[in-house]
Amino acid sequence: MKENLIQKRSFAFSLNIIKLYQKLQANKEFVISKQLLRCGTSIGANIVEATAAQSKKDFLSKMSIASKEARETKYWLRLLNESDLVKISLESYLTEIDEIINILTKIVKTTARNLETKKK
């Protein structure tokens, strides 16, 4: 079976978000860390759900949700980075979430275009 790149990357990203969450908790940052944990791990969960979709439309819906969660994750990472609430380097997280967003955007656009083409 072909390796699913976005599934693999989102899982690795989720593991890194869990580690970041632990660091944030140790630095007594409790509010944003929980938001980040929820949306950062939700990306991969939605991608896994999409792989078991009942239809192309269901697949598109789940991947769109994953894309939204990725964008929310980027928001919280940027907020943490620019607020100086903690002294943790977040550049690698920001780089990875940008790459995940780009992949998900391509998947969503291509799937939507293919669904439109089938309707015609």
N, C-alpha and C. Protein backbone atom coordinates (compact mmCIF):
# COMPACT_ATOMS: atom_id res chain seq x y z
N MET A 1 0.83 -1.18 0.00
CA MET A 1 0.00 0.00 0.00
C MET A 1 0.88 1.25 0.00
N LYS A 2 0.47 2.24 -0.75
CA LYS A 2 1.24 3.48 -0.88
C LYS A 2 1.23 4.26 0.44
N GLU A 3 2.39 4.80 0.80
CA GLU A 3 2.52 5.57 2.03
C GLU A 3 1.76 6.89 1.89
N ASN A 4 1.00 7.25 2.91
CA ASN A 4 0.22 8.47 2.91
C ASN A 4 1.05 9.58 3.57
N LEU A 5 1.65 10.45 2.76
CA LEU A 5 2.55 11.49 3.25
C LEU A 5 1.88 12.41 4.25
N ILE A 6 0.69 12.92 3.94
CA ILE A 6 0.05 13.88 4.83
C ILE A 6 -0.36 13.22 6.14
N GLN A 7 -0.75 11.96 6.08
CA GLN A 7 -1.11 11.25 7.31
C GLN A 7 0.13 11.08 8.19
N LYS A 8 1.24 10.71 7.58
CA LYS A 8 2.49 10.52 8.32
C LYS A 8 2.97 11.84 8.93
N ARG A 9 2.94 12.91 8.13
CA ARG A 9 3.43 14.22 8.61
C ARG A 9 2.53 14.78 9.71
N SER A 10 1.22 14.62 9.55
CA SER A 10 0.31 15.15 10.56
C SER A 10 0.44 14.38 11.88
N PHE A 11 0.71 13.08 11.80
CA PHE A 11 0.91 12.29 13.02
C PHE A 11 2.18 12.74 13.74
N ALA A 12 3.26 12.90 12.98
CA ALA A 12 4.53 13.37 13.57
C ALA A 12 4.35 14.77 14.17
N PHE A 13 3.59 15.62 13.47
CA PHE A 13 3.33 16.96 13.97
C PHE A 13 2.54 16.89 15.28
N SER A 14 1.55 16.00 15.35
CA SER A 14 0.77 15.84 16.58
C SER A 14 1.66 15.43 17.75
N LEU A 15 2.58 14.53 17.51
CA LEU A 15 3.51 14.12 18.57
C LEU A 15 4.34 15.32 19.04
N ASN A 16 4.79 16.13 18.10
CA ASN A 16 5.57 17.32 18.46
C ASN A 16 4.72 18.34 19.21
N ILE A 17 3.46 18.46 18.85
CA ILE A 17 2.56 19.38 19.55
C ILE A 17 2.34 18.91 20.99
N ILE A 18 2.25 17.60 21.19
CA ILE A 18 2.10 17.07 22.56
C ILE A 18 3.33 17.42 23.40
N LYS A 19 4.51 17.28 22.80
CA LYS A 19 5.75 17.64 23.52
C LYS A 19 5.78 19.13 23.82
N LEU A 20 5.36 19.95 22.85
CA LEU A 20 5.31 21.39 23.07
C LEU A 20 4.31 21.72 24.17
N TYR A 21 3.17 21.06 24.18
CA TYR A 21 2.16 21.26 25.22
C TYR A 21 2.77 21.00 26.60
N GLN A 22 3.53 19.92 26.71
CA GLN A 22 4.17 19.60 27.99
C GLN A 22 5.15 20.70 28.41
N LYS A 23 5.91 21.23 27.45
CA LYS A 23 6.84 22.32 27.75
C LYS A 23 6.08 23.58 28.18
N LEU A 24 4.99 23.87 27.48
CA LEU A 24 4.19 25.05 27.82
C LEU A 24 3.58 24.92 29.21
N GLN A 25 3.09 23.74 29.54
CA GLN A 25 2.53 23.50 30.87
C GLN A 25 3.62 23.69 31.94
N ALA A 26 4.82 23.20 31.66
CA ALA A 26 5.93 23.36 32.61
C ALA A 26 6.30 24.83 32.79
N ASN A 27 6.04 25.64 31.74
CA ASN A 27 6.29 27.08 31.81
C ASN A 27 5.07 27.86 32.30
N LYS A 28 4.10 27.13 32.84
CA LYS A 28 2.88 27.70 33.41
C LYS A 28 2.03 28.47 32.40
N GLU A 29 2.02 27.98 31.15
CA GLU A 29 1.13 28.54 30.13
C GLU A 29 0.04 27.51 29.92
N PHE A 30 -1.14 27.81 30.46
CA PHE A 30 -2.21 26.80 30.50
C PHE A 30 -3.33 27.03 29.50
N VAL A 31 -3.61 28.25 29.13
CA VAL A 31 -4.77 28.53 28.27
C VAL A 31 -4.48 28.26 26.80
N ILE A 32 -3.50 28.93 26.26
CA ILE A 32 -3.17 28.76 24.83
C ILE A 32 -2.66 27.35 24.57
N SER A 33 -1.94 26.79 25.53
CA SER A 33 -1.41 25.43 25.34
C SER A 33 -2.53 24.42 25.10
N LYS A 34 -3.64 24.56 25.81
CA LYS A 34 -4.76 23.63 25.63
C LYS A 34 -5.42 23.82 24.26
N GLN A 35 -5.56 25.06 23.84
CA GLN A 35 -6.12 25.34 22.52
C GLN A 35 -5.24 24.72 21.44
N LEU A 36 -3.94 24.92 21.60
CA LEU A 36 -2.96 24.40 20.65
C LEU A 36 -2.98 22.88 20.61
N LEU A 37 -3.08 22.25 21.77
CA LEU A 37 -3.13 20.79 21.84
C LEU A 37 -4.36 20.26 21.10
N ARG A 38 -5.51 20.90 21.32
CA ARG A 38 -6.75 20.44 20.70
C ARG A 38 -6.68 20.52 19.17
N CYS A 39 -6.36 21.71 18.66
CA CYS A 39 -6.39 21.87 17.19
C CYS A 39 -5.18 21.21 16.53
N GLY A 40 -4.03 21.23 17.19
CA GLY A 40 -2.83 20.65 16.60
C GLY A 40 -2.89 19.15 16.43
N THR A 41 -3.60 18.47 17.33
CA THR A 41 -3.76 17.01 17.21
C THR A 41 -5.00 16.64 16.40
N SER A 42 -5.92 17.57 16.26
CA SER A 42 -7.15 17.33 15.50
C SER A 42 -6.87 17.23 14.00
N ILE A 43 -5.81 17.86 13.54
CA ILE A 43 -5.46 17.82 12.11
C ILE A 43 -5.34 16.36 11.66
N GLY A 44 -4.48 15.63 12.32
CA GLY A 44 -4.25 14.23 11.95
C GLY A 44 -5.47 13.35 12.13
N ALA A 45 -6.24 13.62 13.18
CA ALA A 45 -7.45 12.83 13.42
C ALA A 45 -8.43 12.98 12.26
N ASN A 46 -8.58 14.19 11.76
CA ASN A 46 -9.48 14.42 10.63
C ASN A 46 -8.95 13.81 9.34
N ILE A 47 -7.64 13.81 9.18
CA ILE A 47 -7.04 13.19 7.99
C ILE A 47 -7.28 11.69 8.02
N VAL A 48 -7.12 11.07 9.19
CA VAL A 48 -7.38 9.63 9.32
C VAL A 48 -8.84 9.33 9.02
N GLU A 49 -9.74 10.17 9.53
CA GLU A 49 -11.16 9.99 9.23
C GLU A 49 -11.41 10.10 7.73
N ALA A 50 -10.74 11.02 7.08
CA ALA A 50 -10.92 11.22 5.63
C ALA A 50 -10.50 9.99 4.84
N THR A 51 -9.49 9.28 5.32
CA THR A 51 -9.05 8.08 4.59
C THR A 51 -10.09 6.97 4.64
N ALA A 52 -11.02 7.06 5.57
CA ALA A 52 -12.09 6.07 5.67
C ALA A 52 -13.44 6.68 5.24
N ALA A 53 -13.37 7.73 4.46
CA ALA A 53 -14.59 8.43 4.04
C ALA A 53 -15.51 7.52 3.24
N GLN A 54 -16.81 7.80 3.36
CA GLN A 54 -17.81 7.00 2.65
C GLN A 54 -18.00 7.45 1.21
N SER A 55 -17.53 8.65 0.91
CA SER A 55 -17.67 9.19 -0.44
C SER A 55 -16.61 10.26 -0.65
N LYS A 56 -16.48 10.70 -1.91
CA LYS A 56 -15.54 11.80 -2.20
C LYS A 56 -15.97 13.08 -1.49
N LYS A 57 -17.27 13.29 -1.39
CA LYS A 57 -17.80 14.47 -0.71
C LYS A 57 -17.46 14.43 0.78
N ASP A 58 -17.58 13.26 1.38
CA ASP A 58 -17.21 13.06 2.79
C ASP A 58 -15.72 13.28 2.98
N PHE A 59 -14.91 12.74 2.04
CA PHE A 59 -13.46 12.94 2.07
C PHE A 59 -13.13 14.43 2.03
N LEU A 60 -13.77 15.16 1.13
CA LEU A 60 -13.54 16.60 1.00
C LEU A 60 -13.90 17.32 2.29
N SER A 61 -15.01 16.94 2.89
CA SER A 61 -15.45 17.57 4.14
C SER A 61 -14.42 17.38 5.25
N LYS A 62 -13.95 16.16 5.42
CA LYS A 62 -12.97 15.86 6.48
C LYS A 62 -11.63 16.56 6.23
N MET A 63 -11.19 16.56 4.97
CA MET A 63 -9.94 17.24 4.65
C MET A 63 -10.07 18.76 4.82
N SER A 64 -11.24 19.30 4.54
CA SER A 64 -11.48 20.73 4.75
C SER A 64 -11.42 21.07 6.23
N ILE A 65 -11.96 20.19 7.06
CA ILE A 65 -11.89 20.41 8.51
C ILE A 65 -10.43 20.34 8.97
N ALA A 66 -9.67 19.38 8.46
CA ALA A 66 -8.24 19.27 8.80
C ALA A 66 -7.51 20.55 8.41
N SER A 67 -7.84 21.10 7.25
CA SER A 67 -7.22 22.35 6.79
C SER A 67 -7.55 23.51 7.73
N LYS A 68 -8.80 23.58 8.17
CA LYS A 68 -9.21 24.64 9.10
C LYS A 68 -8.48 24.48 10.44
N GLU A 69 -8.37 23.26 10.91
CA GLU A 69 -7.66 23.01 12.16
C GLU A 69 -6.18 23.40 12.05
N ALA A 70 -5.59 23.14 10.89
CA ALA A 70 -4.19 23.50 10.66
C ALA A 70 -4.02 25.02 10.70
N ARG A 71 -4.96 25.73 10.11
CA ARG A 71 -4.89 27.19 10.12
C ARG A 71 -5.08 27.75 11.53
N GLU A 72 -5.96 27.12 12.31
CA GLU A 72 -6.13 27.54 13.70
C GLU A 72 -4.85 27.27 14.50
N THR A 73 -4.24 26.14 14.25
CA THR A 73 -2.98 25.80 14.91
C THR A 73 -1.93 26.86 14.62
N LYS A 74 -1.84 27.26 13.36
CA LYS A 74 -0.88 28.31 12.99
C LYS A 74 -1.17 29.60 13.75
N TYR A 75 -2.44 29.94 13.89
CA TYR A 75 -2.82 31.15 14.63
C TYR A 75 -2.28 31.10 16.06
N TRP A 76 -2.53 29.99 16.76
CA TRP A 76 -2.09 29.89 18.15
C TRP A 76 -0.57 29.88 18.26
N LEU A 77 0.11 29.23 17.32
CA LEU A 77 1.57 29.23 17.32
C LEU A 77 2.11 30.65 17.11
N ARG A 78 1.53 31.37 16.17
CA ARG A 78 1.96 32.76 15.92
C ARG A 78 1.70 33.64 17.14
N LEU A 79 0.56 33.45 17.78
CA LEU A 79 0.22 34.22 18.97
C LEU A 79 1.23 33.96 20.08
N LEU A 80 1.55 32.70 20.30
CA LEU A 80 2.55 32.36 21.31
C LEU A 80 3.91 32.94 20.96
N ASN A 81 4.28 32.83 19.70
CA ASN A 81 5.58 33.29 19.24
C ASN A 81 5.74 34.81 19.39
N GLU A 82 4.72 35.54 19.01
CA GLU A 82 4.83 37.00 19.00
C GLU A 82 4.46 37.65 20.33
N SER A 83 3.82 36.91 21.23
CA SER A 83 3.44 37.47 22.53
C SER A 83 4.56 37.39 23.56
N ASP A 84 5.55 36.54 23.31
CA ASP A 84 6.64 36.32 24.26
C ASP A 84 6.15 35.81 25.62
N LEU A 85 5.05 35.05 25.61
CA LEU A 85 4.56 34.46 26.87
C LEU A 85 5.55 33.43 27.40
N VAL A 86 6.22 32.75 26.49
CA VAL A 86 7.21 31.75 26.88
C VAL A 86 8.45 31.93 26.00
N LYS A 87 9.55 31.46 26.50
CA LYS A 87 10.81 31.56 25.76
C LYS A 87 11.15 30.21 25.13
N ILE A 88 10.30 29.79 24.21
CA ILE A 88 10.49 28.53 23.49
C ILE A 88 10.52 28.86 22.01
N SER A 89 11.50 28.34 21.29
CA SER A 89 11.56 28.58 19.85
C SER A 89 10.45 27.80 19.15
N LEU A 90 9.66 28.52 18.36
CA LEU A 90 8.52 27.91 17.68
C LEU A 90 8.70 27.89 16.16
N GLU A 91 9.86 28.28 15.68
CA GLU A 91 10.08 28.39 14.23
C GLU A 91 9.87 27.07 13.49
N SER A 92 10.36 25.98 14.07
CA SER A 92 10.20 24.68 13.38
C SER A 92 8.73 24.27 13.31
N TYR A 93 7.96 24.60 14.35
CA TYR A 93 6.52 24.30 14.34
C TYR A 93 5.81 25.14 13.27
N LEU A 94 6.19 26.41 13.19
CA LEU A 94 5.57 27.31 12.20
C LEU A 94 5.91 26.88 10.78
N THR A 95 7.14 26.44 10.56
CA THR A 95 7.54 25.96 9.24
C THR A 95 6.75 24.71 8.86
N GLU A 96 6.65 23.78 9.79
CA GLU A 96 5.95 22.52 9.51
C GLU A 96 4.45 22.75 9.29
N ILE A 97 3.84 23.63 10.08
CA ILE A 97 2.40 23.84 9.89
C ILE A 97 2.14 24.54 8.56
N ASP A 98 3.04 25.40 8.12
CA ASP A 98 2.89 26.01 6.79
C ASP A 98 2.92 24.94 5.70
N GLU A 99 3.82 23.99 5.82
CA GLU A 99 3.92 22.92 4.83
C GLU A 99 2.69 22.02 4.85
N ILE A 100 2.18 21.72 6.04
CA ILE A 100 0.97 20.92 6.17
C ILE A 100 -0.22 21.66 5.56
N ILE A 101 -0.32 22.95 5.82
CA ILE A 101 -1.40 23.76 5.25
C ILE A 101 -1.33 23.73 3.72
N ASN A 102 -0.14 23.87 3.17
CA ASN A 102 0.02 23.85 1.71
C ASN A 102 -0.43 22.51 1.11
N ILE A 103 -0.05 21.41 1.74
CA ILE A 103 -0.45 20.09 1.25
C ILE A 103 -1.97 19.93 1.33
N LEU A 104 -2.54 20.29 2.47
CA LEU A 104 -3.99 20.16 2.65
C LEU A 104 -4.76 21.05 1.67
N THR A 105 -4.26 22.24 1.42
CA THR A 105 -4.91 23.15 0.47
C THR A 105 -4.94 22.52 -0.92
N LYS A 106 -3.83 21.92 -1.33
CA LYS A 106 -3.78 21.26 -2.63
C LYS A 106 -4.74 20.09 -2.70
N ILE A 107 -4.80 19.30 -1.63
CA ILE A 107 -5.72 18.16 -1.60
C ILE A 107 -7.17 18.63 -1.70
N VAL A 108 -7.53 19.64 -0.93
CA VAL A 108 -8.91 20.15 -0.92
C VAL A 108 -9.27 20.73 -2.29
N LYS A 109 -8.38 21.54 -2.85
CA LYS A 109 -8.67 22.15 -4.16
C LYS A 109 -8.79 21.10 -5.26
N THR A 110 -7.90 20.16 -5.28
CA THR A 110 -7.93 19.11 -6.31
C THR A 110 -9.19 18.26 -6.17
N THR A 111 -9.53 17.88 -4.96
CA THR A 111 -10.73 17.06 -4.73
C THR A 111 -11.98 17.83 -5.13
N ALA A 112 -12.07 19.09 -4.75
CA ALA A 112 -13.23 19.91 -5.11
C ALA A 112 -13.34 20.06 -6.63
N ARG A 113 -12.21 20.27 -7.28
CA ARG A 113 -12.21 20.40 -8.74
C ARG A 113 -12.66 19.09 -9.40
N ASN A 114 -12.17 17.96 -8.90
CA ASN A 114 -12.57 16.66 -9.45
C ASN A 114 -14.06 16.38 -9.23
N LEU A 115 -14.60 16.79 -8.10
CA LEU A 115 -16.03 16.62 -7.86
C LEU A 115 -16.86 17.48 -8.82
N GLU A 116 -16.40 18.70 -9.06
CA GLU A 116 -17.10 19.59 -10.00
C GLU A 116 -17.07 19.04 -11.42
N THR A 117 -15.92 18.48 -11.80
CA THR A 117 -15.76 17.91 -13.14
C THR A 117 -16.71 16.72 -13.34
N LYS A 118 -16.88 15.91 -12.29
CA LYS A 118 -17.77 14.75 -12.36
C LYS A 118 -19.23 15.18 -12.52
N LYS A 119 -19.60 16.32 -11.95
CA LYS A 119 -20.98 16.81 -12.03
C LYS A 119 -21.36 17.21 -13.44
N LYS A 120 -20.37 17.66 -14.23
CA LYS A 120 -20.64 18.18 -15.57
C LYS A 120 -20.86 17.10 -16.58
